[in-house]
Amino acid sequence: MARVHPGETVGSWMMKGVIDFLTSNANEAIFIRKNYVVKLIPMLNPDGVILGNYRTSLAGCDLNRRWLIPNEILHPEIYYAKKMILNFSKGREMALICDLHGHSGLHNIFMYGNRYEEDNFCCKVFPFILSKINKAFYFGNCSFKMQKFKLGCARINLFNELESPNIFTMEASFSGCKFVRFYSSRL
């Protein structure tokens, strides 16, 4: 899912990368298409995007805080996305759910995940693997906290309802990546 926050345009670029990869002839993409059903929501808040809003919908709501009990009239995008995800999960194991966002404070790409009290590592495996295969992904920025004020976001709400370790918010920096650290030298 991308663009629940309309001003986070990097979400669209990440989604374009996902679509380009999944429709490519890469061996991994072919494997995914043969073995998984992939559902993509390229723009979760089109009204907010059209209006030029930064975080809100046409109704003035932050849709990423409405996943707990979405209203069919005020938050139809979330209401129907959640309904589709929950219905789809009834007969299938959900391998991954990822909500694509932009971040204004940190560099690189990273994830917010969840945590099981019994197994603190199972929710960290996928982001750790990403950090090993992509130099733009920085595991050091990843966080696995489940703060109360974020209970209504997709990541935490779907984790609580589906009990799946691989539900994430992926953040890409508005400021780009830092691959090299620059040090000033004094002569």
Protein backbone atom coordinates (compact mmCIF):
# COMPACT_ATOMS: atom_id res chain seq x y z
CA MET A 1 0.00 0.00 0.00
CA ALA A 2 1.21 3.50 -0.74
CA ARG A 3 0.25 7.15 -0.32
CA VAL A 4 -2.05 6.98 2.70
CA HIS A 5 -0.30 10.28 3.48
CA PRO A 6 -0.66 12.27 0.24
CA GLY A 7 2.44 14.41 0.75
CA GLU A 8 4.72 11.40 1.04
CA THR A 9 5.41 11.21 -2.69
CA VAL A 10 8.31 8.80 -2.20
CA GLY A 11 5.64 6.16 -1.52
CA SER A 12 4.60 6.37 -5.17
CA TRP A 13 8.20 5.95 -6.32
CA MET A 14 8.65 2.91 -4.07
CA MET A 15 5.37 1.46 -5.41
CA LYS A 16 6.55 2.05 -8.98
CA GLY A 17 9.70 0.10 -8.11
CA VAL A 18 7.59 -2.74 -6.66
CA ILE A 19 5.38 -2.86 -9.77
CA ASP A 20 8.36 -2.66 -12.16
CA PHE A 21 10.10 -5.48 -10.27
CA LEU A 22 7.04 -7.75 -9.98
CA THR A 23 6.30 -7.42 -13.71
CA SER A 24 9.92 -7.96 -14.72
CA ASN A 25 11.63 -11.10 -15.98
CA ALA A 26 13.86 -11.36 -12.89
CA ASN A 27 13.96 -14.92 -11.56
CA GLU A 28 12.76 -13.72 -8.15
CA ALA A 29 9.80 -11.88 -9.69
CA ILE A 30 8.83 -14.95 -11.73
CA PHE A 31 9.02 -17.06 -8.56
CA ILE A 32 6.80 -14.61 -6.66
CA ARG A 33 4.20 -14.50 -9.46
CA LYS A 34 4.07 -18.31 -9.63
CA ASN A 35 3.84 -18.90 -5.89
CA TYR A 36 2.01 -15.94 -4.37
CA VAL A 37 -1.06 -13.80 -4.89
CA VAL A 38 0.07 -10.18 -4.77
CA LYS A 39 -2.39 -7.39 -4.00
CA LEU A 40 -1.23 -3.81 -4.54
CA ILE A 41 -2.93 -0.57 -3.55
CA PRO A 42 -0.83 2.05 -5.38
CA MET A 43 -2.64 5.07 -3.88
CA LEU A 44 -4.66 4.67 -0.69
CA ASN A 45 -5.67 8.34 -0.44
CA PRO A 46 -6.31 9.64 -3.99
CA ASP A 47 -8.59 12.48 -2.82
CA GLY A 48 -5.89 13.82 -0.52
CA VAL A 49 -3.32 13.57 -3.33
CA ILE A 50 -5.57 15.42 -5.79
CA LEU A 51 -6.22 18.18 -3.23
CA GLY A 52 -2.52 18.53 -2.46
CA ASN A 53 -2.99 17.62 1.21
CA TYR A 54 0.07 16.57 3.16
CA ARG A 55 -1.35 14.00 5.63
CA THR A 56 -5.12 14.04 5.41
CA SER A 57 -8.01 12.86 3.27
CA LEU A 58 -10.84 14.86 1.70
CA ALA A 59 -12.62 14.60 5.09
CA GLY A 60 -9.58 16.05 6.88
CA CYS A 61 -8.66 12.73 8.53
CA ASP A 62 -5.26 11.10 8.89
CA LEU A 63 -6.31 7.81 7.31
CA ASN A 64 -3.30 6.02 8.76
CA ARG A 65 -4.84 6.38 12.22
CA ARG A 66 -8.25 4.96 11.22
CA TRP A 67 -7.47 1.23 10.89
CA LEU A 68 -8.86 0.29 14.32
CA ILE A 69 -12.51 1.04 13.46
CA PRO A 70 -12.70 2.66 10.02
CA ASN A 71 -15.97 4.35 9.13
CA GLU A 72 -17.41 3.26 5.78
CA ILE A 73 -18.57 6.82 5.00
CA LEU A 74 -15.72 8.94 6.42
CA HIS A 75 -12.82 6.56 5.68
CA PRO A 76 -13.98 4.35 2.78
CA GLU A 77 -10.43 3.79 1.53
CA ILE A 78 -9.37 2.23 4.83
CA TYR A 79 -12.70 0.50 5.44
CA TYR A 80 -12.55 -1.40 2.14
CA ALA A 81 -8.78 -1.98 2.17
CA LYS A 82 -9.04 -3.53 5.64
CA LYS A 83 -12.07 -5.59 4.62
CA MET A 84 -10.20 -6.91 1.57
CA ILE A 85 -7.11 -7.79 3.63
CA LEU A 86 -9.07 -9.55 6.37
CA ASN A 87 -11.24 -11.47 3.87
CA PHE A 88 -8.19 -12.49 1.87
CA SER A 89 -6.42 -13.73 4.99
CA LYS A 90 -9.23 -16.14 5.94
CA GLY A 91 -8.13 -18.87 3.58
CA ARG A 92 -4.48 -17.97 3.16
CA GLU A 93 -1.39 -17.24 5.16
CA MET A 94 -0.33 -13.64 4.70
CA ALA A 95 3.36 -13.65 3.82
CA LEU A 96 3.87 -9.88 3.91
CA ILE A 97 1.94 -6.64 4.32
CA CYS A 98 3.86 -3.44 3.74
CA ASP A 99 2.66 0.16 3.94
CA LEU A 100 4.96 2.55 2.02
CA HIS A 101 5.69 5.97 3.54
CA GLY A 102 8.13 8.87 3.38
CA HIS A 103 10.24 10.08 6.29
CA SER A 104 11.47 13.62 6.79
CA GLY A 105 13.94 13.10 9.62
CA LEU A 106 16.08 10.06 8.90
CA HIS A 107 18.11 9.03 5.87
CA ASN A 108 18.00 5.83 3.82
CA ILE A 109 15.18 3.28 3.72
CA PHE A 110 14.09 1.44 6.85
CA MET A 111 11.08 -0.23 8.45
CA TYR A 112 8.87 0.03 11.46
CA GLY A 113 7.81 -3.41 12.58
CA ASN A 114 5.99 -5.00 15.48
CA ARG A 115 7.04 -7.37 18.22
CA TYR A 116 5.95 -10.64 19.74
CA GLU A 117 6.77 -10.81 23.41
CA GLU A 118 7.62 -14.54 23.11
CA ASP A 119 9.89 -14.17 20.06
CA ASN A 120 11.43 -10.73 19.71
CA PHE A 121 13.40 -11.72 16.59
CA CYS A 122 10.73 -13.09 14.22
CA CYS A 123 9.51 -9.58 13.31
CA LYS A 124 13.07 -8.44 12.57
CA VAL A 125 14.13 -11.15 10.08
CA PHE A 126 12.71 -9.61 6.89
CA PRO A 127 14.14 -6.10 7.50
CA PHE A 128 17.50 -7.64 8.45
CA ILE A 129 17.62 -9.58 5.17
CA LEU A 130 16.73 -6.41 3.22
CA SER A 131 19.64 -4.63 4.88
CA LYS A 132 22.00 -7.33 3.63
CA ILE A 133 20.84 -7.22 -0.02
CA ASN A 134 20.30 -3.48 -0.52
CA LYS A 135 22.79 -0.82 0.55
CA ALA A 136 20.04 1.85 0.66
CA PHE A 137 18.22 -0.10 3.40
CA TYR A 138 19.61 0.69 6.84
CA PHE A 139 18.65 -1.73 9.62
CA GLY A 140 19.99 0.66 12.26
CA ASN A 141 17.02 2.99 11.65
CA CYS A 142 14.45 0.19 12.00
CA SER A 143 12.22 0.23 15.06
CA PHE A 144 9.96 -2.46 16.48
CA LYS A 145 7.96 -0.48 19.01
CA MET A 146 4.20 -0.58 19.28
CA GLN A 147 3.27 2.75 20.85
CA LYS A 148 -0.29 3.24 22.06
CA PHE A 149 -0.79 6.41 20.01
CA LYS A 150 -0.18 4.37 16.83
CA LEU A 151 -2.72 1.59 17.57
CA GLY A 152 -4.91 2.88 14.73
CA CYS A 153 -2.20 2.61 12.06
CA ALA A 154 -2.20 -0.20 9.50
CA ARG A 155 0.96 -1.86 10.80
CA ILE A 156 -0.12 -2.30 14.42
CA ASN A 157 -3.82 -2.87 13.82
CA LEU A 158 -3.31 -5.56 11.16
CA PHE A 159 -0.59 -7.19 13.29
CA ASN A 160 -2.98 -7.40 16.24
CA GLU A 161 -5.79 -8.81 14.09
CA LEU A 162 -3.78 -11.20 11.89
CA GLU A 163 -0.93 -12.10 14.28
CA SER A 164 1.55 -12.16 11.41
CA PRO A 165 5.18 -11.13 12.01
CA ASN A 166 5.68 -9.64 8.53
CA ILE A 167 3.57 -6.51 8.69
CA PHE A 168 5.62 -3.36 8.23
CA THR A 169 5.70 0.32 7.50
CA MET A 170 8.55 0.97 5.07
CA GLU A 171 9.95 4.49 5.21
CA ALA A 172 12.06 6.13 2.52
CA SER A 173 13.83 9.35 3.35
CA PHE A 174 12.82 12.62 1.71
CA SER A 175 16.52 13.53 2.03
CA GLY A 176 17.94 10.50 0.25
CA CYS A 177 20.51 7.96 1.29
CA LYS A 178 23.82 8.33 3.07
CA PHE A 179 26.15 5.61 1.90
CA VAL A 180 29.39 7.24 3.01
CA ARG A 181 30.22 9.20 6.12
CA PHE A 182 32.18 12.34 5.48
CA TYR A 183 34.64 13.52 8.07
CA SER A 184 36.18 16.93 8.19
CA SER A 185 39.86 17.06 8.82
CA ARG A 186 41.60 19.90 10.56
CA LEU A 187 45.04 20.75 9.35
